[in-house]
Amino acid sequence: MGRLIVSAHMTTDMVIDPMEEWFRPDLAMADGLAQLSAADAIILGRGTYEKLADFWPKSDDEWAQLINPMPKHVASRTLKEPLTWNAQLLGADLAADVAALKKRYSGDLILYGIGELANYLAHQNLVDEVRFWIHPYIWGDGVRPFHAGELPLRLRLISATTYASGMVRLAYQPTAG
């Protein structure tokens, strides 16, 4: 049975968007590639899917070689099939569809993005791990993780990795109560 891992890059003050100014993928490249290599599929919300589907098919680096052929499952109220970039829509019952994906895949399912979809799936007890990749920047205004949906969400720290660049990856397990 697969595990659902929510993975998000953010600044030290927890800003997740806009990423264009502060995001540096080279800060923890080996671990990011390892995370993607361990995944069997990707789950995305509509906005994240649209941004990534516009960028990755045009690239041919080692990240693109992993992410482009990987199956993607997209939650959207507005998109219609067929989707591009090896993607398909999840149905109206997201919880049931994601539970079925976890049974279908033996490797990890990576959910990139940490807004409404991640919040919903965490509160449905479908998220096995949340990874915050914290970049050494104070950004100020911006969108914060789990910004839409039901709160609070209690987390238990399961690991912390510090990189020479100053970036930190914190891995948490959602817990009840």
C-alpha atoms as a PDB file:
ATOM      1  CA  MET A   1       0.000   0.000   0.000  1.00  0.00           C
ATOM      2  CA  GLY A   2       1.325   3.406  -0.945  1.00  0.00           C
ATOM      3  CA  ARG A   3       1.900   6.342   1.376  1.00  0.00           C
ATOM      4  CA  LEU A   4       0.623   9.835   0.634  1.00  0.00           C
ATOM      5  CA  ILE A   5       3.334  12.421   1.260  1.00  0.00           C
ATOM      6  CA  VAL A   6       2.523  16.123   1.079  1.00  0.00           C
ATOM      7  CA  SER A   7       5.652  18.034   0.077  1.00  0.00           C
ATOM      8  CA  ALA A   8       6.016  21.801   0.031  1.00  0.00           C
ATOM      9  CA  HIS A   9       8.804  24.341  -0.212  1.00  0.00           C
ATOM     10  CA  MET A  10       8.435  27.541   1.778  1.00  0.00           C
ATOM     11  CA  THR A  11      10.313  30.392   3.358  1.00  0.00           C
ATOM     12  CA  THR A  12      11.287  30.510   7.012  1.00  0.00           C
ATOM     13  CA  ASP A  13       8.201  32.637   7.689  1.00  0.00           C
ATOM     14  CA  MET A  14       6.070  29.962   5.990  1.00  0.00           C
ATOM     15  CA  VAL A  15       5.321  31.709   2.680  1.00  0.00           C
ATOM     16  CA  ILE A  16       4.615  29.153  -0.060  1.00  0.00           C
ATOM     17  CA  ASP A  17       3.688  31.536  -2.861  1.00  0.00           C
ATOM     18  CA  PRO A  18       5.073  33.343  -4.834  1.00  0.00           C
ATOM     19  CA  MET A  19       8.007  30.921  -5.233  1.00  0.00           C
ATOM     20  CA  GLU A  20       9.702  32.545  -8.220  1.00  0.00           C
ATOM     21  CA  GLU A  21      11.830  34.900  -6.132  1.00  0.00           C
ATOM     22  CA  TRP A  22      13.107  32.693  -3.303  1.00  0.00           C
ATOM     23  CA  PHE A  23      12.872  29.033  -4.417  1.00  0.00           C
ATOM     24  CA  ARG A  24      16.278  27.419  -5.023  1.00  0.00           C
ATOM     25  CA  PRO A  25      15.927  23.744  -6.008  1.00  0.00           C
ATOM     26  CA  ASP A  26      19.681  23.212  -5.791  1.00  0.00           C
ATOM     27  CA  LEU A  27      19.660  23.576  -1.994  1.00  0.00           C
ATOM     28  CA  ALA A  28      18.627  19.944  -1.399  1.00  0.00           C
ATOM     29  CA  MET A  29      18.688  18.463  -4.887  1.00  0.00           C
ATOM     30  CA  ALA A  30      19.754  14.931  -3.944  1.00  0.00           C
ATOM     31  CA  ASP A  31      17.010  14.510  -1.338  1.00  0.00           C
ATOM     32  CA  GLY A  32      14.394  16.064  -3.609  1.00  0.00           C
ATOM     33  CA  LEU A  33      15.353  13.681  -6.411  1.00  0.00           C
ATOM     34  CA  ALA A  34      15.281  10.757  -3.973  1.00  0.00           C
ATOM     35  CA  GLN A  35      11.782  11.757  -2.866  1.00  0.00           C
ATOM     36  CA  LEU A  36      10.592  11.877  -6.470  1.00  0.00           C
ATOM     37  CA  SER A  37      12.368   8.596  -7.336  1.00  0.00           C
ATOM     38  CA  ALA A  38      10.530   6.833  -4.505  1.00  0.00           C
ATOM     39  CA  ALA A  39       7.176   7.974  -5.852  1.00  0.00           C
ATOM     40  CA  ASP A  40       4.902   5.938  -8.094  1.00  0.00           C
ATOM     41  CA  ALA A  41       2.564   8.841  -8.879  1.00  0.00           C
ATOM     42  CA  ILE A  42       1.838  12.489  -8.157  1.00  0.00           C
ATOM     43  CA  ILE A  43      -1.359  14.089  -6.861  1.00  0.00           C
ATOM     44  CA  LEU A  44      -1.994  17.734  -7.689  1.00  0.00           C
ATOM     45  CA  GLY A  45      -4.635  20.364  -7.277  1.00  0.00           C
ATOM     46  CA  ARG A  46      -5.696  22.265 -10.384  1.00  0.00           C
ATOM     47  CA  GLY A  47      -3.515  25.332  -9.831  1.00  0.00           C
ATOM     48  CA  THR A  48      -0.351  23.363  -9.130  1.00  0.00           C
ATOM     49  CA  TYR A  49      -1.063  21.057 -12.059  1.00  0.00           C
ATOM     50  CA  GLU A  50      -1.463  23.980 -14.447  1.00  0.00           C
ATOM     51  CA  LYS A  51       1.795  25.620 -13.304  1.00  0.00           C
ATOM     52  CA  LEU A  52       3.835  22.419 -13.421  1.00  0.00           C
ATOM     53  CA  ALA A  53       2.305  21.151 -16.696  1.00  0.00           C
ATOM     54  CA  ASP A  54       3.310  24.420 -18.312  1.00  0.00           C
ATOM     55  CA  PHE A  55       6.933  24.108 -17.143  1.00  0.00           C
ATOM     56  CA  TRP A  56       8.107  20.472 -16.923  1.00  0.00           C
ATOM     57  CA  PRO A  57       7.271  19.120 -20.401  1.00  0.00           C
ATOM     58  CA  LYS A  58       9.610  21.798 -21.838  1.00  0.00           C
ATOM     59  CA  SER A  59      12.509  20.605 -19.667  1.00  0.00           C
ATOM     60  CA  ASP A  60      14.793  17.620 -20.105  1.00  0.00           C
ATOM     61  CA  ASP A  61      16.899  17.748 -16.921  1.00  0.00           C
ATOM     62  CA  GLU A  62      17.087  14.897 -14.404  1.00  0.00           C
ATOM     63  CA  TRP A  63      13.989  16.174 -12.586  1.00  0.00           C
ATOM     64  CA  ALA A  64      12.008  16.243 -15.823  1.00  0.00           C
ATOM     65  CA  GLN A  65      13.143  12.726 -16.691  1.00  0.00           C
ATOM     66  CA  LEU A  66      11.528  11.531 -13.452  1.00  0.00           C
ATOM     67  CA  ILE A  67       8.435  13.718 -13.289  1.00  0.00           C
ATOM     68  CA  ASN A  68       7.305  13.824 -16.924  1.00  0.00           C
ATOM     69  CA  PRO A  69       6.543  10.094 -17.437  1.00  0.00           C
ATOM     70  CA  MET A  70       5.097   9.655 -13.928  1.00  0.00           C
ATOM     71  CA  PRO A  71       1.297   9.305 -13.645  1.00  0.00           C
ATOM     72  CA  LYS A  72      -0.408  12.420 -12.285  1.00  0.00           C
ATOM     73  CA  HIS A  73      -3.819  12.537 -10.631  1.00  0.00           C
ATOM     74  CA  VAL A  74      -5.474  15.946 -10.563  1.00  0.00           C
ATOM     75  CA  ALA A  75      -8.242  17.259  -8.316  1.00  0.00           C
ATOM     76  CA  SER A  76     -10.298  19.916 -10.059  1.00  0.00           C
ATOM     77  CA  ARG A  77     -13.846  21.203 -10.151  1.00  0.00           C
ATOM     78  CA  THR A  78     -13.288  22.959 -13.495  1.00  0.00           C
ATOM     79  CA  LEU A  79     -10.861  20.986 -15.682  1.00  0.00           C
ATOM     80  CA  LYS A  80     -12.192  18.439 -18.156  1.00  0.00           C
ATOM     81  CA  GLU A  81     -10.607  15.311 -19.646  1.00  0.00           C
ATOM     82  CA  PRO A  82      -8.418  14.731 -21.496  1.00  0.00           C
ATOM     83  CA  LEU A  83      -5.565  16.311 -19.587  1.00  0.00           C
ATOM     84  CA  THR A  84      -2.011  16.656 -20.854  1.00  0.00           C
ATOM     85  CA  TRP A  85       1.264  15.650 -19.205  1.00  0.00           C
ATOM     86  CA  ASN A  86       0.298  12.066 -18.407  1.00  0.00           C
ATOM     87  CA  ALA A  87      -2.474  13.257 -16.087  1.00  0.00           C
ATOM     88  CA  GLN A  88      -6.038  12.237 -15.343  1.00  0.00           C
ATOM     89  CA  LEU A  89      -8.754  13.784 -13.239  1.00  0.00           C
ATOM     90  CA  LEU A  90      -9.785  12.459  -9.874  1.00  0.00           C
ATOM     91  CA  GLY A  91     -13.528  12.044  -9.404  1.00  0.00           C
ATOM     92  CA  ALA A  92     -15.946  14.000  -7.253  1.00  0.00           C
ATOM     93  CA  ASP A  93     -15.301  11.737  -4.233  1.00  0.00           C
ATOM     94  CA  LEU A  94     -11.679  12.740  -3.634  1.00  0.00           C
ATOM     95  CA  ALA A  95     -11.316  10.802  -0.402  1.00  0.00           C
ATOM     96  CA  ALA A  96     -12.446   7.533  -2.003  1.00  0.00           C
ATOM     97  CA  ASP A  97     -10.321   8.128  -5.104  1.00  0.00           C
ATOM     98  CA  VAL A  98      -7.169   8.887  -3.120  1.00  0.00           C
ATOM     99  CA  ALA A  99      -7.776   5.906  -0.811  1.00  0.00           C
ATOM    100  CA  ALA A 100      -8.044   3.738  -3.947  1.00  0.00           C
ATOM    101  CA  LEU A 101      -4.786   5.199  -5.315  1.00  0.00           C
ATOM    102  CA  LYS A 102      -3.024   4.375  -2.047  1.00  0.00           C
ATOM    103  CA  LYS A 103      -4.172   0.764  -2.457  1.00  0.00           C
ATOM    104  CA  ARG A 104      -3.260   0.687  -6.152  1.00  0.00           C
ATOM    105  CA  TYR A 105       0.322   1.932  -5.789  1.00  0.00           C
ATOM    106  CA  SER A 106       2.964   0.321  -3.599  1.00  0.00           C
ATOM    107  CA  GLY A 107       5.347   3.315  -3.664  1.00  0.00           C
ATOM    108  CA  ASP A 108       4.826   6.818  -2.437  1.00  0.00           C
ATOM    109  CA  LEU A 109       2.248   9.228  -3.791  1.00  0.00           C
ATOM    110  CA  ILE A 110       3.588  12.771  -3.682  1.00  0.00           C
ATOM    111  CA  LEU A 111       1.172  15.666  -3.340  1.00  0.00           C
ATOM    112  CA  TYR A 112       2.913  18.869  -4.404  1.00  0.00           C
ATOM    113  CA  GLY A 113       1.116  21.892  -3.061  1.00  0.00           C
ATOM    114  CA  ILE A 114      -0.227  22.495   0.399  1.00  0.00           C
ATOM    115  CA  GLY A 115      -3.517  24.318   0.156  1.00  0.00           C
ATOM    116  CA  GLU A 116      -7.128  23.214   0.105  1.00  0.00           C
ATOM    117  CA  LEU A 117      -6.513  19.728  -1.331  1.00  0.00           C
ATOM    118  CA  ALA A 118      -3.768  18.831   1.153  1.00  0.00           C
ATOM    119  CA  ASN A 119      -5.855  20.178   4.021  1.00  0.00           C
ATOM    120  CA  TYR A 120      -8.906  18.169   2.964  1.00  0.00           C
ATOM    121  CA  LEU A 121      -6.958  14.923   2.525  1.00  0.00           C
ATOM    122  CA  ALA A 122      -5.198  15.386   5.885  1.00  0.00           C
ATOM    123  CA  HIS A 123      -8.547  15.772   7.625  1.00  0.00           C
ATOM    124  CA  GLN A 124      -9.752  12.611   5.862  1.00  0.00           C
ATOM    125  CA  ASN A 125      -6.797  10.771   7.503  1.00  0.00           C
ATOM    126  CA  LEU A 126      -5.266  10.020   4.098  1.00  0.00           C
ATOM    127  CA  VAL A 127      -1.973  11.913   4.518  1.00  0.00           C
ATOM    128  CA  ASP A 128       0.829   9.794   5.937  1.00  0.00           C
ATOM    129  CA  GLU A 129       3.538  12.462   6.038  1.00  0.00           C
ATOM    130  CA  VAL A 130       3.953  16.216   5.540  1.00  0.00           C
ATOM    131  CA  ARG A 131       7.372  17.491   4.434  1.00  0.00           C
ATOM    132  CA  PHE A 132       8.192  21.169   4.805  1.00  0.00           C
ATOM    133  CA  TRP A 133      11.304  22.180   2.851  1.00  0.00           C
ATOM    134  CA  ILE A 134      12.151  25.475   4.557  1.00  0.00           C
ATOM    135  CA  HIS A 135      14.332  27.909   2.619  1.00  0.00           C
ATOM    136  CA  PRO A 136      16.442  30.472   4.516  1.00  0.00           C
ATOM    137  CA  TYR A 137      14.431  33.544   3.561  1.00  0.00           C
ATOM    138  CA  ILE A 138      12.030  35.829   5.379  1.00  0.00           C
ATOM    139  CA  TRP A 139       9.565  36.863   2.695  1.00  0.00           C
ATOM    140  CA  GLY A 140       6.706  38.672   4.392  1.00  0.00           C
ATOM    141  CA  ASP A 141       3.389  38.685   2.565  1.00  0.00           C
ATOM    142  CA  GLY A 142       2.235  35.589   0.762  1.00  0.00           C
ATOM    143  CA  VAL A 143       0.149  32.452   0.894  1.00  0.00           C
ATOM    144  CA  ARG A 144       0.718  30.170   3.899  1.00  0.00           C
ATOM    145  CA  PRO A 145       0.436  26.330   4.042  1.00  0.00           C
ATOM    146  CA  PHE A 146      -2.952  24.786   4.715  1.00  0.00           C
ATOM    147  CA  HIS A 147      -4.416  28.244   4.107  1.00  0.00           C
ATOM    148  CA  ALA A 148      -7.755  26.960   2.929  1.00  0.00           C
ATOM    149  CA  GLY A 149      -9.891  24.472   4.739  1.00  0.00           C
ATOM    150  CA  GLU A 150     -10.430  23.089   8.176  1.00  0.00           C
ATOM    151  CA  LEU A 151      -7.892  23.801  10.899  1.00  0.00           C
ATOM    152  CA  PRO A 152      -6.258  22.968  13.225  1.00  0.00           C
ATOM    153  CA  LEU A 153      -4.130  20.054  12.100  1.00  0.00           C
ATOM    154  CA  ARG A 154      -1.875  18.478  14.731  1.00  0.00           C
ATOM    155  CA  LEU A 155       1.490  17.137  13.543  1.00  0.00           C
ATOM    156  CA  ARG A 156       4.164  14.961  15.169  1.00  0.00           C
ATOM    157  CA  LEU A 157       7.790  15.559  14.132  1.00  0.00           C
ATOM    158  CA  ILE A 158       9.354  12.392  12.677  1.00  0.00           C
ATOM    159  CA  SER A 159      12.591  13.812  11.251  1.00  0.00           C
ATOM    160  CA  ALA A 160      14.576  16.975  10.681  1.00  0.00           C
ATOM    161  CA  THR A 161      17.353  17.384   8.126  1.00  0.00           C
ATOM    162  CA  THR A 162      19.612  20.419   7.990  1.00  0.00           C
ATOM    163  CA  TYR A 163      21.509  21.290   4.791  1.00  0.00           C
ATOM    164  CA  ALA A 164      24.767  23.254   4.470  1.00  0.00           C
ATOM    165  CA  SER A 165      22.821  25.888   2.523  1.00  0.00           C
ATOM    166  CA  GLY A 166      20.755  26.718   5.611  1.00  0.00           C
ATOM    167  CA  MET A 167      17.677  24.955   4.286  1.00  0.00           C
ATOM    168  CA  VAL A 168      15.858  22.555   6.622  1.00  0.00           C
ATOM    169  CA  ARG A 169      13.479  19.716   5.800  1.00  0.00           C
ATOM    170  CA  LEU A 170      10.998  18.902   8.533  1.00  0.00           C
ATOM    171  CA  ALA A 171       8.935  15.742   8.202  1.00  0.00           C
ATOM    172  CA  TYR A 172       5.747  15.376  10.211  1.00  0.00           C
ATOM    173  CA  GLN A 173       3.045  12.788  10.661  1.00  0.00           C
ATOM    174  CA  PRO A 174      -0.517  14.049  11.057  1.00  0.00           C
ATOM    175  CA  THR A 175      -2.017  12.866  14.342  1.00  0.00           C
ATOM    176  CA  ALA A 176      -5.498  12.754  15.765  1.00  0.00           C
ATOM    177  CA  GLY A 177      -6.412  15.334  18.363  1.00  0.00           C
END
